[in-house]
Amino acid sequence: MRRKKVVQTEVDPATDARPRHIADRRSIPLKDLVREELRSYADRLEGDIETDPAFEIIGCWDLKGKNWSERKDWRP
């Protein structure tokens, strides 16, 4: 069985009321709802990072020497 981490934070009453209401409506424990939403948020955020245009430029240049990162004498 995988070990779980305990995550604890403080929120204002209005922020607390919304997930409690959703958990009650869905008849599930609040911690299950929060766990599901945290996983969903992390998946969505990682997806946004993977589609970041900044990462698309990596490796797009045709450099002379082509192996600068592998050379021991990398300084010109």
PDB file of N, CA and C in Angstrom:
ATOM      1  N   MET A   1       0.837  -1.179   0.000  1.00  0.00           N
ATOM      2  CA  MET A   1       0.000   0.000   0.000  1.00  0.00           C
ATOM      3  C   MET A   1       0.886   1.248   0.000  1.00  0.00           C
ATOM      4  N   ARG A   2       0.531   2.221  -0.825  1.00  0.00           N
ATOM      5  CA  ARG A   2       1.300   3.462  -0.913  1.00  0.00           C
ATOM      6  C   ARG A   2       1.025   4.337   0.295  1.00  0.00           C
ATOM      7  N   ARG A   3       2.086   4.932   0.775  1.00  0.00           N
ATOM      8  CA  ARG A   3       1.963   5.837   1.909  1.00  0.00           C
ATOM      9  C   ARG A   3       1.369   7.162   1.447  1.00  0.00           C
ATOM     10  N   LYS A   4       0.515   7.739   2.247  1.00  0.00           N
ATOM     11  CA  LYS A   4      -0.119   9.008   1.890  1.00  0.00           C
ATOM     12  C   LYS A   4       0.465  10.129   2.731  1.00  0.00           C
ATOM     13  N   LYS A   5       0.491  11.310   2.148  1.00  0.00           N
ATOM     14  CA  LYS A   5       0.952  12.513   2.837  1.00  0.00           C
ATOM     15  C   LYS A   5      -0.252  13.283   3.357  1.00  0.00           C
ATOM     16  N   VAL A   6      -0.094  13.902   4.497  1.00  0.00           N
ATOM     17  CA  VAL A   6      -1.144  14.735   5.066  1.00  0.00           C
ATOM     18  C   VAL A   6      -0.879  16.171   4.632  1.00  0.00           C
ATOM     19  N   VAL A   7      -1.902  16.806   4.060  1.00  0.00           N
ATOM     20  CA  VAL A   7      -1.813  18.198   3.629  1.00  0.00           C
ATOM     21  C   VAL A   7      -2.812  18.989   4.455  1.00  0.00           C
ATOM     22  N   GLN A   8      -2.346  20.079   5.033  1.00  0.00           N
ATOM     23  CA  GLN A   8      -3.220  20.868   5.901  1.00  0.00           C
ATOM     24  C   GLN A   8      -3.043  22.346   5.574  1.00  0.00           C
ATOM     25  N   THR A   9      -4.140  23.086   5.552  1.00  0.00           N
ATOM     26  CA  THR A   9      -4.081  24.521   5.290  1.00  0.00           C
ATOM     27  C   THR A   9      -5.243  25.221   5.975  1.00  0.00           C
ATOM     28  N   GLU A  10      -5.240  26.530   5.901  1.00  0.00           N
ATOM     29  CA  GLU A  10      -6.326  27.331   6.470  1.00  0.00           C
ATOM     30  C   GLU A  10      -7.028  28.066   5.345  1.00  0.00           C
ATOM     31  N   VAL A  11      -8.354  28.106   5.409  1.00  0.00           N
ATOM     32  CA  VAL A  11      -9.146  28.838   4.418  1.00  0.00           C
ATOM     33  C   VAL A  11     -10.207  29.657   5.148  1.00  0.00           C
ATOM     34  N   ASP A  12     -10.707  30.669   4.462  1.00  0.00           N
ATOM     35  CA  ASP A  12     -11.760  31.492   5.061  1.00  0.00           C
ATOM     36  C   ASP A  12     -13.083  30.716   5.023  1.00  0.00           C
ATOM     37  N   PRO A  13     -14.066  31.115   5.823  1.00  0.00           N
ATOM     38  CA  PRO A  13     -15.335  30.385   5.904  1.00  0.00           C
ATOM     39  C   PRO A  13     -16.057  30.228   4.565  1.00  0.00           C
ATOM     40  N   ALA A  14     -15.992  31.231   3.708  1.00  0.00           N
ATOM     41  CA  ALA A  14     -16.677  31.130   2.413  1.00  0.00           C
ATOM     42  C   ALA A  14     -16.030  30.061   1.534  1.00  0.00           C
ATOM     43  N   THR A  15     -14.706  30.004   1.551  1.00  0.00           N
ATOM     44  CA  THR A  15     -13.996  28.990   0.763  1.00  0.00           C
ATOM     45  C   THR A  15     -14.271  27.600   1.317  1.00  0.00           C
ATOM     46  N   ASP A  16     -14.411  27.490   2.625  1.00  0.00           N
ATOM     47  CA  ASP A  16     -14.693  26.204   3.259  1.00  0.00           C
ATOM     48  C   ASP A  16     -16.107  25.725   2.949  1.00  0.00           C
ATOM     49  N   ALA A  17     -17.052  26.643   2.872  1.00  0.00           N
ATOM     50  CA  ALA A  17     -18.456  26.267   2.685  1.00  0.00           C
ATOM     51  C   ALA A  17     -18.712  25.639   1.315  1.00  0.00           C
ATOM     52  N   ARG A  18     -18.049  26.133   0.290  1.00  0.00           N
ATOM     53  CA  ARG A  18     -18.321  25.646  -1.072  1.00  0.00           C
ATOM     54  C   ARG A  18     -17.988  24.164  -1.250  1.00  0.00           C
ATOM     55  N   PRO A  19     -16.763  23.712  -0.916  1.00  0.00           N
ATOM     56  CA  PRO A  19     -16.499  22.277  -1.088  1.00  0.00           C
ATOM     57  C   PRO A  19     -17.318  21.400  -0.141  1.00  0.00           C
ATOM     58  N   ARG A  20     -17.620  21.909   1.056  1.00  0.00           N
ATOM     59  CA  ARG A  20     -18.477  21.131   1.967  1.00  0.00           C
ATOM     60  C   ARG A  20     -19.857  20.915   1.347  1.00  0.00           C
ATOM     61  N   HIS A  21     -20.398  21.954   0.738  1.00  0.00           N
ATOM     62  CA  HIS A  21     -21.702  21.857   0.088  1.00  0.00           C
ATOM     63  C   HIS A  21     -21.649  20.846  -1.068  1.00  0.00           C
ATOM     64  N   ILE A  22     -20.611  20.914  -1.878  1.00  0.00           N
ATOM     65  CA  ILE A  22     -20.466  19.982  -3.007  1.00  0.00           C
ATOM     66  C   ILE A  22     -20.327  18.552  -2.501  1.00  0.00           C
ATOM     67  N   ALA A  23     -19.513  18.345  -1.463  1.00  0.00           N
ATOM     68  CA  ALA A  23     -19.334  17.004  -0.902  1.00  0.00           C
ATOM     69  C   ALA A  23     -20.648  16.468  -0.346  1.00  0.00           C
ATOM     70  N   ASP A  24     -21.411  17.317   0.331  1.00  0.00           N
ATOM     71  CA  ASP A  24     -22.719  16.896   0.853  1.00  0.00           C
ATOM     72  C   ASP A  24     -23.666  16.527  -0.285  1.00  0.00           C
ATOM     73  N   ARG A  25     -23.691  17.345  -1.332  1.00  0.00           N
ATOM     74  CA  ARG A  25     -24.564  17.062  -2.483  1.00  0.00           C
ATOM     75  C   ARG A  25     -24.197  15.747  -3.157  1.00  0.00           C
ATOM     76  N   ARG A  26     -22.896  15.472  -3.241  1.00  0.00           N
ATOM     77  CA  ARG A  26     -22.441  14.241  -3.901  1.00  0.00           C
ATOM     78  C   ARG A  26     -22.398  13.051  -2.948  1.00  0.00           C
ATOM     79  N   SER A  27     -22.673  13.287  -1.682  1.00  0.00           N
ATOM     80  CA  SER A  27     -22.659  12.245  -0.638  1.00  0.00           C
ATOM     81  C   SER A  27     -21.307  11.539  -0.560  1.00  0.00           C
ATOM     82  N   ILE A  28     -20.253  12.334  -0.553  1.00  0.00           N
ATOM     83  CA  ILE A  28     -18.903  11.788  -0.397  1.00  0.00           C
ATOM     84  C   ILE A  28     -18.206  12.568   0.715  1.00  0.00           C
ATOM     85  N   PRO A  29     -17.206  11.951   1.349  1.00  0.00           N
ATOM     86  CA  PRO A  29     -16.465  12.673   2.384  1.00  0.00           C
ATOM     87  C   PRO A  29     -15.727  13.879   1.797  1.00  0.00           C
ATOM     88  N   LEU A  30     -15.612  14.917   2.594  1.00  0.00           N
ATOM     89  CA  LEU A  30     -14.936  16.136   2.152  1.00  0.00           C
ATOM     90  C   LEU A  30     -13.502  15.842   1.719  1.00  0.00           C
ATOM     91  N   LYS A  31     -12.798  14.991   2.459  1.00  0.00           N
ATOM     92  CA  LYS A  31     -11.407  14.736   2.093  1.00  0.00           C
ATOM     93  C   LYS A  31     -11.292  14.012   0.754  1.00  0.00           C
ATOM     94  N   ASP A  32     -12.276  13.187   0.392  1.00  0.00           N
ATOM     95  CA  ASP A  32     -12.256  12.555  -0.933  1.00  0.00           C
ATOM     96  C   ASP A  32     -12.438  13.598  -2.035  1.00  0.00           C
ATOM     97  N   LEU A  33     -13.341  14.549  -1.800  1.00  0.00           N
ATOM     98  CA  LEU A  33     -13.560  15.617  -2.773  1.00  0.00           C
ATOM     99  C   LEU A  33     -12.300  16.467  -2.940  1.00  0.00           C
ATOM    100  N   VAL A  34     -11.688  16.847  -1.828  1.00  0.00           N
ATOM    101  CA  VAL A  34     -10.484  17.683  -1.888  1.00  0.00           C
ATOM    102  C   VAL A  34      -9.348  16.927  -2.566  1.00  0.00           C
ATOM    103  N   ARG A  35      -9.191  15.648  -2.265  1.00  0.00           N
ATOM    104  CA  ARG A  35      -8.150  14.825  -2.893  1.00  0.00           C
ATOM    105  C   ARG A  35      -8.369  14.763  -4.405  1.00  0.00           C
ATOM    106  N   GLU A  36      -9.606  14.541  -4.821  1.00  0.00           N
ATOM    107  CA  GLU A  36      -9.943  14.469  -6.249  1.00  0.00           C
ATOM    108  C   GLU A  36      -9.660  15.799  -6.951  1.00  0.00           C
ATOM    109  N   GLU A  37     -10.049  16.900  -6.327  1.00  0.00           N
ATOM    110  CA  GLU A  37      -9.840  18.219  -6.926  1.00  0.00           C
ATOM    111  C   GLU A  37      -8.364  18.599  -6.967  1.00  0.00           C
ATOM    112  N   LEU A  38      -7.607  18.225  -5.961  1.00  0.00           N
ATOM    113  CA  LEU A  38      -6.172  18.505  -5.952  1.00  0.00           C
ATOM    114  C   LEU A  38      -5.472  17.740  -7.072  1.00  0.00           C
ATOM    115  N   ARG A  39      -5.849  16.484  -7.257  1.00  0.00           N
ATOM    116  CA  ARG A  39      -5.289  15.673  -8.349  1.00  0.00           C
ATOM    117  C   ARG A  39      -5.658  16.277  -9.703  1.00  0.00           C
ATOM    118  N   SER A  40      -6.900  16.693  -9.851  1.00  0.00           N
ATOM    119  CA  SER A  40      -7.361  17.304 -11.096  1.00  0.00           C
ATOM    120  C   SER A  40      -6.607  18.603 -11.387  1.00  0.00           C
ATOM    121  N   TYR A  41      -6.403  19.416 -10.361  1.00  0.00           N
ATOM    122  CA  TYR A  41      -5.679  20.674 -10.524  1.00  0.00           C
ATOM    123  C   TYR A  41      -4.234  20.412 -10.950  1.00  0.00           C
ATOM    124  N   ALA A  42      -3.580  19.465 -10.299  1.00  0.00           N
ATOM    125  CA  ALA A  42      -2.187  19.154 -10.642  1.00  0.00           C
ATOM    126  C   ALA A  42      -2.082  18.622 -12.067  1.00  0.00           C
ATOM    127  N   ASP A  43      -3.010  17.769 -12.478  1.00  0.00           N
ATOM    128  CA  ASP A  43      -3.008  17.247 -13.852  1.00  0.00           C
ATOM    129  C   ASP A  43      -3.202  18.370 -14.862  1.00  0.00           C
ATOM    130  N   ARG A  44      -4.111  19.274 -14.569  1.00  0.00           N
ATOM    131  CA  ARG A  44      -4.372  20.392 -15.479  1.00  0.00           C
ATOM    132  C   ARG A  44      -3.160  21.318 -15.563  1.00  0.00           C
ATOM    133  N   LEU A  45      -2.536  21.590 -14.438  1.00  0.00           N
ATOM    134  CA  LEU A  45      -1.370  22.468 -14.411  1.00  0.00           C
ATOM    135  C   LEU A  45      -0.197  21.838 -15.155  1.00  0.00           C
ATOM    136  N   GLU A  46       0.038  20.539 -14.961  1.00  0.00           N
ATOM    137  CA  GLU A  46       1.109  19.861 -15.693  1.00  0.00           C
ATOM    138  C   GLU A  46       0.829  19.880 -17.181  1.00  0.00           C
ATOM    139  N   GLY A  47      -0.414  19.735 -17.579  1.00  0.00           N
ATOM    140  CA  GLY A  47      -0.769  19.800 -18.993  1.00  0.00           C
ATOM    141  C   GLY A  47      -0.469  21.167 -19.567  1.00  0.00           C
ATOM    142  N   ASP A  48      -0.744  22.220 -18.791  1.00  0.00           N
ATOM    143  CA  ASP A  48      -0.437  23.580 -19.236  1.00  0.00           C
ATOM    144  C   ASP A  48       1.060  23.770 -19.399  1.00  0.00           C
ATOM    145  N   ILE A  49       1.846  23.197 -18.506  1.00  0.00           N
ATOM    146  CA  ILE A  49       3.302  23.325 -18.589  1.00  0.00           C
ATOM    147  C   ILE A  49       3.825  22.604 -19.822  1.00  0.00           C
ATOM    148  N   GLU A  50       3.294  21.423 -20.108  1.00  0.00           N
ATOM    149  CA  GLU A  50       3.752  20.658 -21.268  1.00  0.00           C
ATOM    150  C   GLU A  50       3.437  21.364 -22.579  1.00  0.00           C
ATOM    151  N   THR A  51       2.384  22.166 -22.613  1.00  0.00           N
ATOM    152  CA  THR A  51       2.024  22.868 -23.847  1.00  0.00           C
ATOM    153  C   THR A  51       2.572  24.293 -23.886  1.00  0.00           C
ATOM    154  N   ASP A  52       3.424  24.643 -22.934  1.00  0.00           N
ATOM    155  CA  ASP A  52       4.021  25.980 -22.893  1.00  0.00           C
ATOM    156  C   ASP A  52       4.926  26.175 -24.106  1.00  0.00           C
ATOM    157  N   PRO A  53       4.724  27.236 -24.888  1.00  0.00           N
ATOM    158  CA  PRO A  53       5.528  27.462 -26.087  1.00  0.00           C
ATOM    159  C   PRO A  53       7.018  27.627 -25.794  1.00  0.00           C
ATOM    160  N   ALA A  54       7.372  28.007 -24.589  1.00  0.00           N
ATOM    161  CA  ALA A  54       8.788  28.163 -24.256  1.00  0.00           C
ATOM    162  C   ALA A  54       9.533  26.845 -24.399  1.00  0.00           C
ATOM    163  N   PHE A  55       8.870  25.729 -24.135  1.00  0.00           N
ATOM    164  CA  PHE A  55       9.528  24.438 -24.235  1.00  0.00           C
ATOM    165  C   PHE A  55       9.627  23.949 -25.678  1.00  0.00           C
ATOM    166  N   GLU A  56       8.869  24.533 -26.574  1.00  0.00           N
ATOM    167  CA  GLU A  56       8.918  24.132 -27.976  1.00  0.00           C
ATOM    168  C   GLU A  56      10.190  24.603 -28.668  1.00  0.00           C
ATOM    169  N   ILE A  57      10.867  25.626 -28.136  1.00  0.00           N
ATOM    170  CA  ILE A  57      12.077  26.125 -28.786  1.00  0.00           C
ATOM    171  C   ILE A  57      13.303  25.278 -28.462  1.00  0.00           C
ATOM    172  N   ILE A  58      13.204  24.436 -27.448  1.00  0.00           N
ATOM    173  CA  ILE A  58      14.348  23.611 -27.072  1.00  0.00           C
ATOM    174  C   ILE A  58      14.662  22.643 -28.205  1.00  0.00           C
ATOM    175  N   GLY A  59      15.890  22.689 -28.675  1.00  0.00           N
ATOM    176  CA  GLY A  59      16.345  21.788 -29.727  1.00  0.00           C
ATOM    177  C   GLY A  59      15.944  22.195 -31.126  1.00  0.00           C
ATOM    178  N   CYS A  60      15.442  23.391 -31.318  1.00  0.00           N
ATOM    179  CA  CYS A  60      14.971  23.763 -32.653  1.00  0.00           C
ATOM    180  C   CYS A  60      16.049  24.437 -33.496  1.00  0.00           C
ATOM    181  N   TRP A  61      17.205  24.745 -32.926  1.00  0.00           N
ATOM    182  CA  TRP A  61      18.272  25.378 -33.701  1.00  0.00           C
ATOM    183  C   TRP A  61      19.262  24.347 -34.206  1.00  0.00           C
ATOM    184  N   ASP A  62      19.770  24.582 -35.379  1.00  0.00           N
ATOM    185  CA  ASP A  62      20.807  23.729 -35.950  1.00  0.00           C
ATOM    186  C   ASP A  62      22.144  24.417 -35.689  1.00  0.00           C
ATOM    187  N   LEU A  63      22.829  24.013 -34.631  1.00  0.00           N
ATOM    188  CA  LEU A  63      24.070  24.659 -34.232  1.00  0.00           C
ATOM    189  C   LEU A  63      25.276  23.937 -34.818  1.00  0.00           C
ATOM    190  N   LYS A  64      26.289  24.706 -35.156  1.00  0.00           N
ATOM    191  CA  LYS A  64      27.538  24.093 -35.613  1.00  0.00           C
ATOM    192  C   LYS A  64      28.215  23.499 -34.393  1.00  0.00           C
ATOM    193  N   GLY A  65      28.792  22.349 -34.551  1.00  0.00           N
ATOM    194  CA  GLY A  65      29.396  21.668 -33.409  1.00  0.00           C
ATOM    195  C   GLY A  65      28.421  20.706 -32.768  1.00  0.00           C
ATOM    196  N   LYS A  66      27.169  21.031 -32.766  1.00  0.00           N
ATOM    197  CA  LYS A  66      26.013  20.219 -32.384  1.00  0.00           C
ATOM    198  C   LYS A  66      26.114  19.457 -31.064  1.00  0.00           C
ATOM    199  N   ASN A  67      27.286  19.368 -30.492  1.00  0.00           N
ATOM    200  CA  ASN A  67      27.391  18.559 -29.273  1.00  0.00           C
ATOM    201  C   ASN A  67      28.018  19.359 -28.135  1.00  0.00           C
ATOM    202  N   TRP A  68      27.730  20.651 -28.056  1.00  0.00           N
ATOM    203  CA  TRP A  68      28.327  21.483 -27.018  1.00  0.00           C
ATOM    204  C   TRP A  68      28.044  20.949 -25.620  1.00  0.00           C
ATOM    205  N   SER A  69      26.889  20.442 -25.367  1.00  0.00           N
ATOM    206  CA  SER A  69      26.560  19.974 -24.021  1.00  0.00           C
ATOM    207  C   SER A  69      27.291  18.693 -23.665  1.00  0.00           C
ATOM    208  N   GLU A  70      27.818  17.990 -24.644  1.00  0.00           N
ATOM    209  CA  GLU A  70      28.496  16.722 -24.398  1.00  0.00           C
ATOM    210  C   GLU A  70      30.012  16.869 -24.358  1.00  0.00           C
ATOM    211  N   ARG A  71      30.529  17.998 -24.806  1.00  0.00           N
ATOM    212  CA  ARG A  71      31.975  18.181 -24.886  1.00  0.00           C
ATOM    213  C   ARG A  71      32.567  18.521 -23.529  1.00  0.00           C
ATOM    214  N   LYS A  72      33.770  18.013 -23.282  1.00  0.00           N
ATOM    215  CA  LYS A  72      34.466  18.328 -22.043  1.00  0.00           C
ATOM    216  C   LYS A  72      35.092  19.720 -22.120  1.00  0.00           C
ATOM    217  N   ASP A  73      35.474  20.155 -23.313  1.00  0.00           N
ATOM    218  CA  ASP A  73      36.081  21.474 -23.507  1.00  0.00           C
ATOM    219  C   ASP A  73      35.042  22.430 -24.089  1.00  0.00           C
ATOM    220  N   TRP A  74      33.939  22.575 -23.423  1.00  0.00           N
ATOM    221  CA  TRP A  74      32.789  23.300 -23.964  1.00  0.00           C
ATOM    222  C   TRP A  74      32.997  24.796 -24.060  1.00  0.00           C
ATOM    223  N   ARG A  75      33.963  25.338 -23.384  1.00  0.00           N
ATOM    224  CA  ARG A  75      34.204  26.787 -23.488  1.00  0.00           C
ATOM    225  C   ARG A  75      34.963  27.089 -24.772  1.00  0.00           C
ATOM    226  N   PRO A  76      34.501  28.085 -25.561  1.00  0.00           N
ATOM    227  CA  PRO A  76      35.172  28.409 -26.822  1.00  0.00           C
ATOM    228  C   PRO A  76      36.557  28.998 -26.616  1.00  0.00           C
TER     229      PRO A  76
END
